[in-house]
Each structure stands twice: as structure tokens, then as C-alpha cells.
Amino acid sequence: MYSFDKFHELVAQTIDENPFSKSPNELYEPMDYILNIGGKRIRPIIVLLGTDLFDGDIHKALKPSLAIEFLTILT
């Protein structure tokens, strides 16, 4: 079982390792800014907590959990 801090670390590391394509700039520049100011990133962590609770593969759930975070930035 992972801890909240470990999930936070995994989410931050995955964001850093998967930069956006940067095109179109009008879309990705605001997303980069919002993601780089930090924060708790609670939405992806909740997905990972649920995955861990039901013995799922945390590493397979990382990118889908980030998709939720990215979509909420755009809305």
C-alpha cells in the first residue's frame, strides 16, 4: 500500500517526464503554467488511491489519472 506522499511524488514525476508537444502554444502554455505552480494534485491522487485500494496497477493508472487533471485545467 502506498502513502499519499508517494502518490504525490509519482504524479509530480510523471508530469515532469511527459512534457507537452507545445503546439498550439495558446493551449499548452496555460496548462504548463498551471501544472508548474504545484498544488496538491488531489484528483490524480484519488484515482491512484482507488487503484491501489482494488489492487490495480498504479503505473498503468498514472497517465489516465493525469488526464483527469488536464481536463479540469481546460474547463
C-alpha atoms as a PDB file:
ATOM      1  CA  MET A   1       0.000   0.000   0.000  1.00  0.00           C
ATOM      2  CA  TYR A   2       1.329   3.408  -0.996  1.00  0.00           C
ATOM      3  CA  SER A   3       1.128   6.586   1.053  1.00  0.00           C
ATOM      4  CA  PHE A   4      -0.390   9.909  -0.014  1.00  0.00           C
ATOM      5  CA  ASP A   5       3.128  11.369  -0.254  1.00  0.00           C
ATOM      6  CA  LYS A   6       4.268   8.541  -2.527  1.00  0.00           C
ATOM      7  CA  PHE A   7       1.285   9.107  -4.834  1.00  0.00           C
ATOM      8  CA  HIS A   8       2.021  12.848  -4.889  1.00  0.00           C
ATOM      9  CA  GLU A   9       5.629  12.096  -5.806  1.00  0.00           C
ATOM     10  CA  LEU A  10       4.587   9.697  -8.601  1.00  0.00           C
ATOM     11  CA  VAL A  11       2.174  12.244 -10.068  1.00  0.00           C
ATOM     12  CA  ALA A  12       4.770  15.049  -9.993  1.00  0.00           C
ATOM     13  CA  GLN A  13       7.426  12.796 -11.519  1.00  0.00           C
ATOM     14  CA  THR A  14       5.101  11.656 -14.312  1.00  0.00           C
ATOM     15  CA  ILE A  15       4.169  15.256 -15.156  1.00  0.00           C
ATOM     16  CA  ASP A  16       7.865  16.192 -15.326  1.00  0.00           C
ATOM     17  CA  GLU A  17       8.725  13.191 -17.511  1.00  0.00           C
ATOM     18  CA  ASN A  18       5.914  13.776 -20.029  1.00  0.00           C
ATOM     19  CA  PRO A  19       6.102  17.325 -21.388  1.00  0.00           C
ATOM     20  CA  PHE A  20       3.501  18.616 -23.834  1.00  0.00           C
ATOM     21  CA  SER A  21       4.238  18.957 -27.531  1.00  0.00           C
ATOM     22  CA  LYS A  22       3.997  22.759 -27.161  1.00  0.00           C
ATOM     23  CA  SER A  23       1.797  23.187 -30.194  1.00  0.00           C
ATOM     24  CA  PRO A  24      -0.561  25.012 -30.300  1.00  0.00           C
ATOM     25  CA  ASN A  25       1.102  27.382 -27.885  1.00  0.00           C
ATOM     26  CA  GLU A  26      -2.205  29.023 -26.887  1.00  0.00           C
ATOM     27  CA  LEU A  27      -3.373  25.719 -25.408  1.00  0.00           C
ATOM     28  CA  TYR A  28      -0.242  24.316 -23.820  1.00  0.00           C
ATOM     29  CA  GLU A  29       1.330  27.448 -22.346  1.00  0.00           C
ATOM     30  CA  PRO A  30      -1.500  27.974 -19.800  1.00  0.00           C
ATOM     31  CA  MET A  31      -1.521  24.241 -18.968  1.00  0.00           C
ATOM     32  CA  ASP A  32       2.237  24.274 -18.351  1.00  0.00           C
ATOM     33  CA  TYR A  33       1.880  27.331 -16.148  1.00  0.00           C
ATOM     34  CA  ILE A  34      -0.893  25.822 -14.035  1.00  0.00           C
ATOM     35  CA  LEU A  35       0.865  22.473 -13.684  1.00  0.00           C
ATOM     36  CA  ASN A  36       4.155  24.085 -12.720  1.00  0.00           C
ATOM     37  CA  ILE A  37       2.735  26.207  -9.902  1.00  0.00           C
ATOM     38  CA  GLY A  38       2.310  22.993  -7.957  1.00  0.00           C
ATOM     39  CA  GLY A  39      -0.574  22.248  -5.691  1.00  0.00           C
ATOM     40  CA  LYS A  40      -1.885  19.101  -4.134  1.00  0.00           C
ATOM     41  CA  ARG A  41      -2.987  17.477  -7.414  1.00  0.00           C
ATOM     42  CA  ILE A  42      -5.684  15.707  -5.483  1.00  0.00           C
ATOM     43  CA  ARG A  43      -7.677  14.419  -8.492  1.00  0.00           C
ATOM     44  CA  PRO A  44      -4.977  12.118  -9.864  1.00  0.00           C
ATOM     45  CA  ILE A  45      -4.069  11.038  -6.344  1.00  0.00           C
ATOM     46  CA  ILE A  46      -7.676   9.993  -5.693  1.00  0.00           C
ATOM     47  CA  VAL A  47      -7.586   7.859  -8.856  1.00  0.00           C
ATOM     48  CA  LEU A  48      -4.354   6.240  -7.684  1.00  0.00           C
ATOM     49  CA  LEU A  49      -5.759   5.651  -4.202  1.00  0.00           C
ATOM     50  CA  GLY A  50      -8.745   3.853  -5.740  1.00  0.00           C
ATOM     51  CA  THR A  51      -6.471   1.831  -7.990  1.00  0.00           C
ATOM     52  CA  ASP A  52      -4.349   0.796  -5.033  1.00  0.00           C
ATOM     53  CA  LEU A  53      -7.413   0.007  -2.929  1.00  0.00           C
ATOM     54  CA  PHE A  54      -8.594  -2.512  -5.509  1.00  0.00           C
ATOM     55  CA  ASP A  55      -5.096  -3.947  -6.120  1.00  0.00           C
ATOM     56  CA  GLY A  56      -4.757  -2.379  -9.557  1.00  0.00           C
ATOM     57  CA  ASP A  57      -1.531  -1.478 -11.334  1.00  0.00           C
ATOM     58  CA  ILE A  58      -0.558   2.013 -10.161  1.00  0.00           C
ATOM     59  CA  HIS A  59       1.787   2.590 -13.093  1.00  0.00           C
ATOM     60  CA  LYS A  60      -0.934   1.784 -15.636  1.00  0.00           C
ATOM     61  CA  ALA A  61      -3.258   4.238 -13.880  1.00  0.00           C
ATOM     62  CA  LEU A  62      -0.812   7.170 -13.801  1.00  0.00           C
ATOM     63  CA  LYS A  63      -1.489   8.610 -17.250  1.00  0.00           C
ATOM     64  CA  PRO A  64      -5.282   8.194 -17.063  1.00  0.00           C
ATOM     65  CA  SER A  65      -5.214   9.883 -13.642  1.00  0.00           C
ATOM     66  CA  LEU A  66      -3.321  12.810 -15.139  1.00  0.00           C
ATOM     67  CA  ALA A  67      -5.835  13.053 -17.972  1.00  0.00           C
ATOM     68  CA  ILE A  68      -8.447  13.954 -15.366  1.00  0.00           C
ATOM     69  CA  GLU A  69      -6.199  16.721 -14.040  1.00  0.00           C
ATOM     70  CA  PHE A  70      -5.521  18.076 -17.539  1.00  0.00           C
ATOM     71  CA  LEU A  71      -9.209  18.104 -18.451  1.00  0.00           C
ATOM     72  CA  THR A  72     -10.122  20.055 -15.324  1.00  0.00           C
ATOM     73  CA  ILE A  73      -7.481  22.648 -16.203  1.00  0.00           C
ATOM     74  CA  LEU A  74      -9.124  23.182 -19.584  1.00  0.00           C
ATOM     75  CA  THR A  75     -12.623  23.676 -18.205  1.00  0.00           C
END
